Amino acid sequence: MPQGQRGEITRLLDRIQEGDRQAISDLASLSFPELRRLAACCLRGQPPEHTWMPTDLVNELWVRLLRRETLEYQNRGHFLGAAAHQMRAIVIDHARERCRAKRAPAGVAPLHGPFDVNRPMSETDPADLVALDTALARLAGMSPRQVQVVEMRYFAEFTVEETAQALGVSAKTVKRDWTTARAWLHAELRELER
C-alpha cells in the first residue's frame, strides 16, 4: 500500500473517533485490498469443504467490527493488528464448528500429527487450530504482545517488519517475541497432546 494511503487510513480512523460515520465507509473501501490480502493468507490451502472466499472473511470481519459501539484504533498498524486478531477469531470459530460437525469430543481436540507453528496456518487441521487457540489464550495471560506477534506472523502472515510497524516496536523485539512464543507454544501444545 502506498505511503499516502497508509496515512489516509490513520486520518480516517481519527475522523471515526470524532464521530464521522462516512469515514467508516471510506475506511472500508480504502482498506479492502489490504484486508482481503490478510484474509487470503488466512484461507489459503483450506480443505475442499471450506467454502469461504477472502471477501467473505473480510465481510464477516466488518460485521464484527461494526457490532462494537466504537472503533478506536490509534493508527493503521493498530487497525491491521486488530483485524488480524478478529480474523483469527473468525477462523478459529469456523474450525470449532467444523470439529463439532465431525462430532469431535468436547474440550480440546488432540493434535493430528506434529504441530509446528512454522507451518502455514492454511495447512493446519481445524482441530489443531482449536488447540492453538487454547494455548494462545493461556499465553495471553503472560504476554499479550507475544500473542499479537503470533496473530500477525502466523495468522496474517505479516513479515517481521510489518509486525514491528503495526505494534510500534523494533524488528529485534518482534524476532525475540516470535522465537519465545514459538518455543512456549511448542511446549504447551505437546502438553495438550498428553
Protein backbone atom coordinates (compact mmCIF):
# COMPACT_ATOMS: atom_id res chain seq x y z
CA MET A 1 0.00 0.00 0.00
CA PRO A 2 1.45 3.39 -0.94
CA GLN A 3 2.61 5.60 1.92
CA GLY A 4 -0.11 8.20 1.21
CA GLN A 5 -2.84 5.60 1.62
CA ARG A 6 -1.28 4.39 4.87
CA GLY A 7 -1.55 7.92 6.26
CA GLU A 8 -5.08 8.25 4.93
CA ILE A 9 -6.16 5.18 6.93
CA THR A 10 -4.89 6.85 10.10
CA ARG A 11 -6.73 10.07 9.20
CA LEU A 12 -9.94 8.10 8.61
CA LEU A 13 -9.54 6.41 11.99
CA ASP A 14 -9.22 9.84 13.59
CA ARG A 15 -12.39 11.00 11.81
CA ILE A 16 -14.24 7.91 13.04
CA GLN A 17 -13.26 8.71 16.62
CA GLU A 18 -14.61 12.23 16.07
CA GLY A 19 -17.99 10.72 15.11
CA ASP A 20 -17.80 10.95 11.31
CA ARG A 21 -19.96 7.99 10.16
CA GLN A 22 -18.96 8.47 6.48
CA ALA A 23 -15.36 7.78 7.47
CA ILE A 24 -16.31 4.16 8.30
CA SER A 25 -17.46 3.61 4.73
CA ASP A 26 -14.36 5.34 3.39
CA LEU A 27 -12.15 3.19 5.64
CA ALA A 28 -13.87 0.01 4.46
CA SER A 29 -13.26 0.96 0.82
CA LEU A 30 -9.66 2.09 1.28
CA SER A 31 -8.61 -0.82 3.49
CA PHE A 32 -10.41 -3.52 1.50
CA PRO A 33 -7.42 -4.60 -0.66
CA GLU A 34 -5.15 -4.95 2.36
CA LEU A 35 -7.80 -6.73 4.45
CA ARG A 36 -8.54 -9.03 1.54
CA ARG A 37 -4.83 -9.90 1.32
CA LEU A 38 -4.86 -10.77 5.04
CA ALA A 39 -7.99 -12.86 4.55
CA ALA A 40 -6.45 -14.69 1.60
CA CYS A 41 -3.47 -15.60 3.79
CA CYS A 42 -5.80 -16.95 6.46
CA LEU A 43 -7.79 -19.03 3.99
CA ARG A 44 -5.02 -20.26 1.71
CA GLY A 45 -4.95 -24.05 1.42
CA GLN A 46 -8.22 -24.70 3.24
CA PRO A 47 -9.83 -28.12 2.73
CA PRO A 48 -12.29 -28.61 -0.17
CA GLU A 49 -15.35 -28.45 2.10
CA HIS A 50 -14.33 -24.95 3.17
CA THR A 51 -16.47 -22.60 1.09
CA TRP A 52 -15.34 -19.19 2.33
CA MET A 53 -13.64 -16.77 -0.01
CA PRO A 54 -11.38 -13.93 1.21
CA THR A 55 -14.18 -11.43 0.61
CA ASP A 56 -16.46 -13.47 2.89
CA LEU A 57 -13.88 -13.27 5.69
CA VAL A 58 -13.47 -9.50 5.21
CA ASN A 59 -17.25 -9.08 5.28
CA GLU A 60 -17.51 -11.12 8.49
CA LEU A 61 -14.71 -9.01 9.95
CA TRP A 62 -16.67 -5.82 9.24
CA VAL A 63 -19.84 -7.34 10.71
CA ARG A 64 -17.95 -7.97 13.94
CA LEU A 65 -16.23 -4.58 13.93
CA LEU A 66 -19.48 -2.71 13.36
CA ARG A 67 -21.18 -4.51 16.26
CA ARG A 68 -18.90 -2.59 18.58
CA GLU A 69 -20.04 0.72 19.93
CA THR A 70 -16.79 2.40 18.96
CA LEU A 71 -13.94 1.80 16.56
CA GLU A 72 -10.94 3.17 18.43
CA TYR A 73 -7.68 2.49 16.68
CA GLN A 74 -4.61 4.67 17.04
CA ASN A 75 -3.24 4.19 13.53
CA ARG A 76 -3.11 1.89 10.51
CA GLY A 77 -0.90 -0.63 12.27
CA HIS A 78 -3.18 -0.82 15.29
CA PHE A 79 -6.19 -1.29 12.99
CA LEU A 80 -4.50 -4.07 11.00
CA GLY A 81 -3.38 -5.77 14.20
CA ALA A 82 -6.95 -5.74 15.47
CA ALA A 83 -8.14 -7.02 12.09
CA ALA A 84 -5.64 -9.89 12.26
CA HIS A 85 -6.88 -10.71 15.76
CA GLN A 86 -10.51 -10.72 14.63
CA MET A 87 -9.71 -12.83 11.57
CA ARG A 88 -8.01 -15.32 13.87
CA ALA A 89 -11.16 -15.45 16.00
CA ILE A 90 -13.36 -15.95 12.94
CA VAL A 91 -11.18 -18.73 11.53
CA ILE A 92 -11.00 -20.44 14.94
CA ASP A 93 -14.79 -20.18 15.37
CA HIS A 94 -15.20 -21.75 11.94
CA ALA A 95 -12.70 -24.51 12.85
CA ARG A 96 -14.66 -25.22 16.05
CA GLU A 97 -17.84 -25.54 14.01
CA ARG A 98 -16.14 -27.97 11.63
CA CYS A 99 -14.90 -30.03 14.59
CA ARG A 100 -18.41 -30.09 16.08
CA ALA A 101 -19.84 -31.10 12.73
CA LYS A 102 -17.46 -34.07 12.73
CA ARG A 103 -18.72 -34.88 16.24
CA ALA A 104 -15.34 -34.27 17.80
CA PRO A 105 -15.21 -34.81 21.56
CA ALA A 106 -15.81 -31.81 23.79
CA GLY A 107 -12.84 -29.82 25.00
CA VAL A 108 -9.51 -29.53 23.29
CA ALA A 109 -9.17 -31.90 20.38
CA PRO A 110 -5.97 -33.94 20.12
CA LEU A 111 -3.40 -32.80 17.62
CA HIS A 112 -3.36 -34.67 14.32
CA GLY A 113 0.37 -35.10 13.97
CA PRO A 114 3.39 -32.99 14.75
CA PHE A 115 2.08 -29.46 15.10
CA ASP A 116 4.53 -26.80 14.01
CA VAL A 117 3.89 -23.07 14.31
CA ASN A 118 6.34 -22.64 11.45
CA ARG A 119 3.92 -24.46 9.15
CA PRO A 120 1.48 -22.06 7.44
CA MET A 121 -1.85 -21.75 9.22
CA SER A 122 -3.58 -22.65 5.98
CA GLU A 123 -2.06 -26.16 6.16
CA THR A 124 -3.20 -26.75 9.74
CA ASP A 125 -6.01 -29.12 10.68
CA PRO A 126 -9.07 -27.41 12.26
CA ALA A 127 -8.67 -29.38 15.49
CA ASP A 128 -5.06 -28.20 15.71
CA LEU A 129 -6.23 -24.59 15.28
CA VAL A 130 -8.59 -25.05 18.21
CA ALA A 131 -5.71 -26.42 20.31
CA LEU A 132 -3.54 -23.47 19.23
CA ASP A 133 -6.29 -21.06 20.24
CA THR A 134 -6.44 -22.66 23.70
CA ALA A 135 -2.67 -22.31 24.05
CA LEU A 136 -2.76 -18.69 22.86
CA ALA A 137 -5.40 -17.88 25.46
CA ARG A 138 -3.01 -19.14 28.13
CA LEU A 139 -0.08 -17.24 26.63
CA ALA A 140 -2.18 -14.04 26.62
CA GLY A 141 -2.19 -14.15 30.43
CA MET A 142 1.59 -13.98 30.43
CA SER A 143 2.47 -11.96 27.34
CA PRO A 144 -0.27 -10.27 25.33
CA ARG A 145 2.30 -8.80 22.91
CA GLN A 146 3.63 -12.25 22.09
CA VAL A 147 0.08 -13.30 21.22
CA GLN A 148 -0.20 -10.26 18.94
CA VAL A 149 3.07 -11.24 17.25
CA VAL A 150 1.77 -14.78 16.69
CA GLU A 151 -1.52 -13.45 15.31
CA MET A 152 0.28 -11.19 12.86
CA ARG A 153 3.11 -13.52 11.88
CA TYR A 154 1.17 -16.81 11.81
CA PHE A 155 -2.44 -15.96 11.07
CA ALA A 156 -1.98 -12.87 8.90
CA GLU A 157 1.47 -13.84 7.55
CA PHE A 158 2.94 -10.40 8.27
CA THR A 159 6.67 -10.01 7.82
CA VAL A 160 8.81 -9.15 10.83
CA GLU A 161 8.97 -5.55 9.62
CA GLU A 162 5.19 -5.28 9.08
CA THR A 163 4.60 -6.72 12.54
CA ALA A 164 7.08 -4.31 14.12
CA GLN A 165 5.42 -1.36 12.42
CA ALA A 166 1.92 -2.48 13.43
CA LEU A 167 2.94 -2.96 17.08
CA GLY A 168 5.20 0.07 17.29
CA VAL A 169 8.22 -1.97 18.40
CA SER A 170 11.57 -2.82 16.84
CA ALA A 171 12.10 -5.72 14.45
CA LYS A 172 14.50 -7.16 17.01
CA THR A 173 11.71 -7.21 19.62
CA VAL A 174 9.37 -8.95 17.17
CA LYS A 175 12.02 -11.59 16.39
CA ARG A 176 12.61 -12.19 20.10
CA ASP A 177 8.87 -12.39 20.86
CA TRP A 178 8.30 -14.69 17.87
CA THR A 179 11.08 -17.05 18.94
CA THR A 180 9.93 -17.09 22.57
CA ALA A 181 6.25 -17.56 21.68
CA ARG A 182 7.00 -20.41 19.26
CA ALA A 183 9.06 -22.22 21.87
CA TRP A 184 6.39 -21.74 24.54
CA LEU A 185 3.59 -22.82 22.18
CA HIS A 186 5.53 -25.89 21.09
CA ALA A 187 5.91 -27.00 24.72
CA GLU A 188 2.30 -26.10 25.58
CA LEU A 189 0.87 -27.95 22.60
CA ARG A 190 2.96 -31.03 23.39
CA GLU A 191 1.45 -30.90 26.89
CA LEU A 192 -2.07 -30.72 25.40
CA GLU A 193 -1.36 -33.88 23.38
CA ARG A 194 -0.97 -35.88 26.59
